[in-house]
Amino acid sequence: MDRPVPICDLLLTLGEYAEVRLRAAETLQIARRRKWLLSTGLDHLSLGRAYPPGSPESVAHRDQAVDRLRHAGDLTRLPLALLARGTQRDLDEVFKIASRSGMRLHLTDYHLAQARLYIRENRRDLARPHIEKAASLSKTPATTDATPNSPSCSS
């Protein structure tokens, strides 16, 4: 059975950042009242992605997303928040989780994020192997991947 496309993920793709901030803020209040750590983490992730990268709001929400998803104990979604935050330490953790758990999609995302980080640091020679590995992983036929849908503030 196909899963629905998460609304906030779709809205982010469409550049509807204000709409995501509105929806995620509303559902975040509900998740907090009901003490739903997973939903709280995913809503913070949507909010972190809806603000300009590096802005105080984005940084705070991405940090909260990592914290809440870690506390929720959901290793299938934690890499999403770690990738969004994107520090070297976060990327190292994504690599460990994805490698040990067989999450090829997260492993591919790790290699792309690592390549982007090296390119930003003007270390293009280190980026090339990660780009090649990501390409290789994306061409390999999938068996099963434990990666769930991307975060959403509402489905």
C-alpha atoms as a PDB file:
ATOM      1  CA  MET A   1       0.000   0.000   0.000  1.00  0.00           C
ATOM      2  CA  ASP A   2       1.357   3.415  -0.940  1.00  0.00           C
ATOM      3  CA  ARG A   3       1.838   5.917   1.853  1.00  0.00           C
ATOM      4  CA  PRO A   4       0.534   9.457   1.413  1.00  0.00           C
ATOM      5  CA  VAL A   5       3.021  12.197   0.615  1.00  0.00           C
ATOM      6  CA  PRO A   6       3.621  14.160   3.814  1.00  0.00           C
ATOM      7  CA  ILE A   7       2.044  17.562   3.371  1.00  0.00           C
ATOM      8  CA  CYS A   8       4.819  19.687   4.869  1.00  0.00           C
ATOM      9  CA  ASP A   9       7.450  17.834   2.861  1.00  0.00           C
ATOM     10  CA  LEU A  10       5.493  18.552  -0.309  1.00  0.00           C
ATOM     11  CA  LEU A  11       4.960  22.195   0.682  1.00  0.00           C
ATOM     12  CA  LEU A  12       8.691  22.622   1.345  1.00  0.00           C
ATOM     13  CA  THR A  13       9.435  21.221  -2.104  1.00  0.00           C
ATOM     14  CA  LEU A  14       7.025  23.782  -3.552  1.00  0.00           C
ATOM     15  CA  GLY A  15       8.706  26.609  -1.627  1.00  0.00           C
ATOM     16  CA  GLU A  16       5.641  27.260   0.545  1.00  0.00           C
ATOM     17  CA  TYR A  17       7.695  28.029   3.639  1.00  0.00           C
ATOM     18  CA  ALA A  18       5.153  30.303   5.353  1.00  0.00           C
ATOM     19  CA  GLU A  19       2.465  27.630   5.008  1.00  0.00           C
ATOM     20  CA  VAL A  20       4.797  25.027   6.520  1.00  0.00           C
ATOM     21  CA  ARG A  21       5.594  27.329   9.433  1.00  0.00           C
ATOM     22  CA  LEU A  22       1.872  27.808  10.062  1.00  0.00           C
ATOM     23  CA  ARG A  23       0.918  24.118   9.809  1.00  0.00           C
ATOM     24  CA  ALA A  24       3.900  22.801  11.750  1.00  0.00           C
ATOM     25  CA  ALA A  25       3.440  25.363  14.536  1.00  0.00           C
ATOM     26  CA  GLU A  26      -0.184  24.254  14.924  1.00  0.00           C
ATOM     27  CA  THR A  27       0.585  20.548  15.010  1.00  0.00           C
ATOM     28  CA  LEU A  28       3.578  21.141  17.265  1.00  0.00           C
ATOM     29  CA  GLN A  29       1.237  22.574  19.899  1.00  0.00           C
ATOM     30  CA  ILE A  30      -0.927  19.457  19.728  1.00  0.00           C
ATOM     31  CA  ALA A  31       2.085  17.141  19.887  1.00  0.00           C
ATOM     32  CA  ARG A  32       3.494  18.997  22.901  1.00  0.00           C
ATOM     33  CA  ARG A  33       0.175  18.863  24.780  1.00  0.00           C
ATOM     34  CA  ARG A  34      -0.080  15.126  24.150  1.00  0.00           C
ATOM     35  CA  LYS A  35       3.639  14.547  24.816  1.00  0.00           C
ATOM     36  CA  TRP A  36       4.210  12.879  21.449  1.00  0.00           C
ATOM     37  CA  LEU A  37       8.009  13.001  21.155  1.00  0.00           C
ATOM     38  CA  LEU A  38       8.140  11.620  17.617  1.00  0.00           C
ATOM     39  CA  SER A  39       5.580  14.098  16.275  1.00  0.00           C
ATOM     40  CA  THR A  40       7.228  16.920  18.197  1.00  0.00           C
ATOM     41  CA  GLY A  41      10.580  16.038  16.640  1.00  0.00           C
ATOM     42  CA  LEU A  42       9.166  15.838  13.123  1.00  0.00           C
ATOM     43  CA  ASP A  43       7.334  19.154  13.520  1.00  0.00           C
ATOM     44  CA  HIS A  44      10.546  20.804  14.719  1.00  0.00           C
ATOM     45  CA  LEU A  45      12.294  19.341  11.685  1.00  0.00           C
ATOM     46  CA  SER A  46       9.668  20.794   9.341  1.00  0.00           C
ATOM     47  CA  LEU A  47       9.994  24.171  11.070  1.00  0.00           C
ATOM     48  CA  GLY A  48      13.784  24.020  10.882  1.00  0.00           C
ATOM     49  CA  ARG A  49      13.590  23.394   7.150  1.00  0.00           C
ATOM     50  CA  ALA A  50      10.994  26.172   6.687  1.00  0.00           C
ATOM     51  CA  TYR A  51      13.268  28.930   7.991  1.00  0.00           C
ATOM     52  CA  PRO A  52      16.331  30.162   6.080  1.00  0.00           C
ATOM     53  CA  PRO A  53      19.315  27.848   6.679  1.00  0.00           C
ATOM     54  CA  GLY A  54      21.569  29.197   9.400  1.00  0.00           C
ATOM     55  CA  SER A  55      18.934  31.546  10.818  1.00  0.00           C
ATOM     56  CA  PRO A  56      18.468  31.419  14.599  1.00  0.00           C
ATOM     57  CA  GLU A  57      14.998  29.909  14.113  1.00  0.00           C
ATOM     58  CA  SER A  58      16.240  27.219  11.772  1.00  0.00           C
ATOM     59  CA  VAL A  59      19.144  26.279  14.032  1.00  0.00           C
ATOM     60  CA  ALA A  60      16.940  26.115  17.138  1.00  0.00           C
ATOM     61  CA  HIS A  61      14.278  23.964  15.478  1.00  0.00           C
ATOM     62  CA  ARG A  62      16.837  21.601  13.910  1.00  0.00           C
ATOM     63  CA  ASP A  63      18.518  21.175  17.307  1.00  0.00           C
ATOM     64  CA  GLN A  64      15.133  20.453  18.898  1.00  0.00           C
ATOM     65  CA  ALA A  65      14.330  17.956  16.137  1.00  0.00           C
ATOM     66  CA  VAL A  66      17.519  15.996  16.833  1.00  0.00           C
ATOM     67  CA  ASP A  67      16.879  16.111  20.581  1.00  0.00           C
ATOM     68  CA  ARG A  68      13.231  15.008  20.356  1.00  0.00           C
ATOM     69  CA  LEU A  69      13.835  12.247  17.814  1.00  0.00           C
ATOM     70  CA  ARG A  70      16.737  10.976  19.890  1.00  0.00           C
ATOM     71  CA  HIS A  71      14.523  10.926  22.995  1.00  0.00           C
ATOM     72  CA  ALA A  72      11.757   9.211  21.036  1.00  0.00           C
ATOM     73  CA  GLY A  73      14.257   6.465  20.222  1.00  0.00           C
ATOM     74  CA  ASP A  74      13.343   6.457  16.532  1.00  0.00           C
ATOM     75  CA  LEU A  75      16.532   5.561  14.673  1.00  0.00           C
ATOM     76  CA  THR A  76      14.709   5.446  11.339  1.00  0.00           C
ATOM     77  CA  ARG A  77      13.914   9.165  11.439  1.00  0.00           C
ATOM     78  CA  LEU A  78      16.806  10.527  13.509  1.00  0.00           C
ATOM     79  CA  PRO A  79      19.071  10.608  10.416  1.00  0.00           C
ATOM     80  CA  LEU A  80      16.639  13.057   8.758  1.00  0.00           C
ATOM     81  CA  ALA A  81      17.221  15.580  11.545  1.00  0.00           C
ATOM     82  CA  LEU A  82      20.952  14.919  11.672  1.00  0.00           C
ATOM     83  CA  LEU A  83      21.227  15.429   7.906  1.00  0.00           C
ATOM     84  CA  ALA A  84      19.206  18.647   8.153  1.00  0.00           C
ATOM     85  CA  ARG A  85      21.517  19.990  10.843  1.00  0.00           C
ATOM     86  CA  GLY A  86      24.507  18.783   8.839  1.00  0.00           C
ATOM     87  CA  THR A  87      27.555  19.161  11.063  1.00  0.00           C
ATOM     88  CA  GLN A  88      30.442  16.739  10.533  1.00  0.00           C
ATOM     89  CA  ARG A  89      29.571  15.036  13.812  1.00  0.00           C
ATOM     90  CA  ASP A  90      25.948  14.667  12.671  1.00  0.00           C
ATOM     91  CA  LEU A  91      27.024  13.216   9.338  1.00  0.00           C
ATOM     92  CA  ASP A  92      29.319  10.731  11.091  1.00  0.00           C
ATOM     93  CA  GLU A  93      26.357   9.597  13.193  1.00  0.00           C
ATOM     94  CA  VAL A  94      24.131   9.237  10.119  1.00  0.00           C
ATOM     95  CA  PHE A  95      26.798   7.063   8.512  1.00  0.00           C
ATOM     96  CA  LYS A  96      26.944   4.783  11.571  1.00  0.00           C
ATOM     97  CA  ILE A  97      23.169   4.457  11.867  1.00  0.00           C
ATOM     98  CA  ALA A  98      22.581   3.931   8.152  1.00  0.00           C
ATOM     99  CA  SER A  99      25.459   1.473   7.721  1.00  0.00           C
ATOM    100  CA  ARG A 100      24.531  -0.650  10.722  1.00  0.00           C
ATOM    101  CA  SER A 101      20.818  -0.637   9.957  1.00  0.00           C
ATOM    102  CA  GLY A 102      20.968  -1.172   6.209  1.00  0.00           C
ATOM    103  CA  MET A 103      19.226   2.134   5.442  1.00  0.00           C
ATOM    104  CA  ARG A 104      20.501   2.688   1.914  1.00  0.00           C
ATOM    105  CA  LEU A 105      18.509   5.866   1.324  1.00  0.00           C
ATOM    106  CA  HIS A 106      20.007   7.491   4.416  1.00  0.00           C
ATOM    107  CA  LEU A 107      23.435   6.207   3.408  1.00  0.00           C
ATOM    108  CA  THR A 108      23.024   7.790  -0.028  1.00  0.00           C
ATOM    109  CA  ASP A 109      21.886  11.041   1.602  1.00  0.00           C
ATOM    110  CA  TYR A 110      24.912  10.878   3.910  1.00  0.00           C
ATOM    111  CA  HIS A 111      27.307  10.665   0.948  1.00  0.00           C
ATOM    112  CA  LEU A 112      25.595  13.589  -0.803  1.00  0.00           C
ATOM    113  CA  ALA A 113      25.626  15.702   2.374  1.00  0.00           C
ATOM    114  CA  GLN A 114      29.277  14.845   3.019  1.00  0.00           C
ATOM    115  CA  ALA A 115      30.160  15.849  -0.547  1.00  0.00           C
ATOM    116  CA  ARG A 116      28.301  19.170  -0.138  1.00  0.00           C
ATOM    117  CA  LEU A 117      30.123  19.839   3.119  1.00  0.00           C
ATOM    118  CA  TYR A 118      33.518  19.188   1.491  1.00  0.00           C
ATOM    119  CA  ILE A 119      32.596  21.420  -1.455  1.00  0.00           C
ATOM    120  CA  ARG A 120      31.603  24.244   0.928  1.00  0.00           C
ATOM    121  CA  GLU A 121      34.968  23.800   2.647  1.00  0.00           C
ATOM    122  CA  ASN A 122      36.674  23.982  -0.773  1.00  0.00           C
ATOM    123  CA  ARG A 123      37.908  20.380  -0.438  1.00  0.00           C
ATOM    124  CA  ARG A 124      36.560  19.132  -3.761  1.00  0.00           C
ATOM    125  CA  ASP A 125      39.076  16.290  -3.970  1.00  0.00           C
ATOM    126  CA  LEU A 126      37.437  14.722  -0.895  1.00  0.00           C
ATOM    127  CA  ALA A 127      33.933  15.268  -2.289  1.00  0.00           C
ATOM    128  CA  ARG A 128      34.392  13.183  -5.460  1.00  0.00           C
ATOM    129  CA  PRO A 129      34.432   9.726  -3.785  1.00  0.00           C
ATOM    130  CA  HIS A 130      31.229  10.563  -1.900  1.00  0.00           C
ATOM    131  CA  ILE A 131      29.491  11.674  -5.092  1.00  0.00           C
ATOM    132  CA  GLU A 132      30.563   8.451  -6.788  1.00  0.00           C
ATOM    133  CA  LYS A 133      29.386   6.312  -3.850  1.00  0.00           C
ATOM    134  CA  ALA A 134      26.007   8.086  -3.783  1.00  0.00           C
ATOM    135  CA  ALA A 135      25.618   7.486  -7.518  1.00  0.00           C
ATOM    136  CA  SER A 136      26.519   3.826  -7.069  1.00  0.00           C
ATOM    137  CA  LEU A 137      24.041   3.367  -4.225  1.00  0.00           C
ATOM    138  CA  SER A 138      21.260   5.036  -6.200  1.00  0.00           C
ATOM    139  CA  LYS A 139      21.799   2.669  -9.145  1.00  0.00           C
ATOM    140  CA  THR A 140      21.780  -0.514  -7.093  1.00  0.00           C
ATOM    141  CA  PRO A 141      18.360  -2.215  -7.105  1.00  0.00           C
ATOM    142  CA  ALA A 142      16.609  -1.887  -3.783  1.00  0.00           C
ATOM    143  CA  THR A 143      15.515  -4.876  -1.808  1.00  0.00           C
ATOM    144  CA  THR A 144      13.877  -3.343   1.222  1.00  0.00           C
ATOM    145  CA  ASP A 145      14.800  -0.103   2.883  1.00  0.00           C
ATOM    146  CA  ALA A 146      13.882   0.618   6.500  1.00  0.00           C
ATOM    147  CA  THR A 147      13.600   4.328   5.761  1.00  0.00           C
ATOM    148  CA  PRO A 148      10.113   5.737   6.435  1.00  0.00           C
ATOM    149  CA  ASN A 149       8.502   8.691   4.732  1.00  0.00           C
ATOM    150  CA  SER A 150      10.021  12.103   5.264  1.00  0.00           C
ATOM    151  CA  PRO A 151       8.768  14.259   8.106  1.00  0.00           C
ATOM    152  CA  SER A 152       5.437  15.940   7.900  1.00  0.00           C
ATOM    153  CA  CYS A 153       3.398  18.272  10.012  1.00  0.00           C
ATOM    154  CA  SER A 154       0.190  16.687   8.790  1.00  0.00           C
ATOM    155  CA  SER A 155      -0.744  13.962   6.365  1.00  0.00           C
END
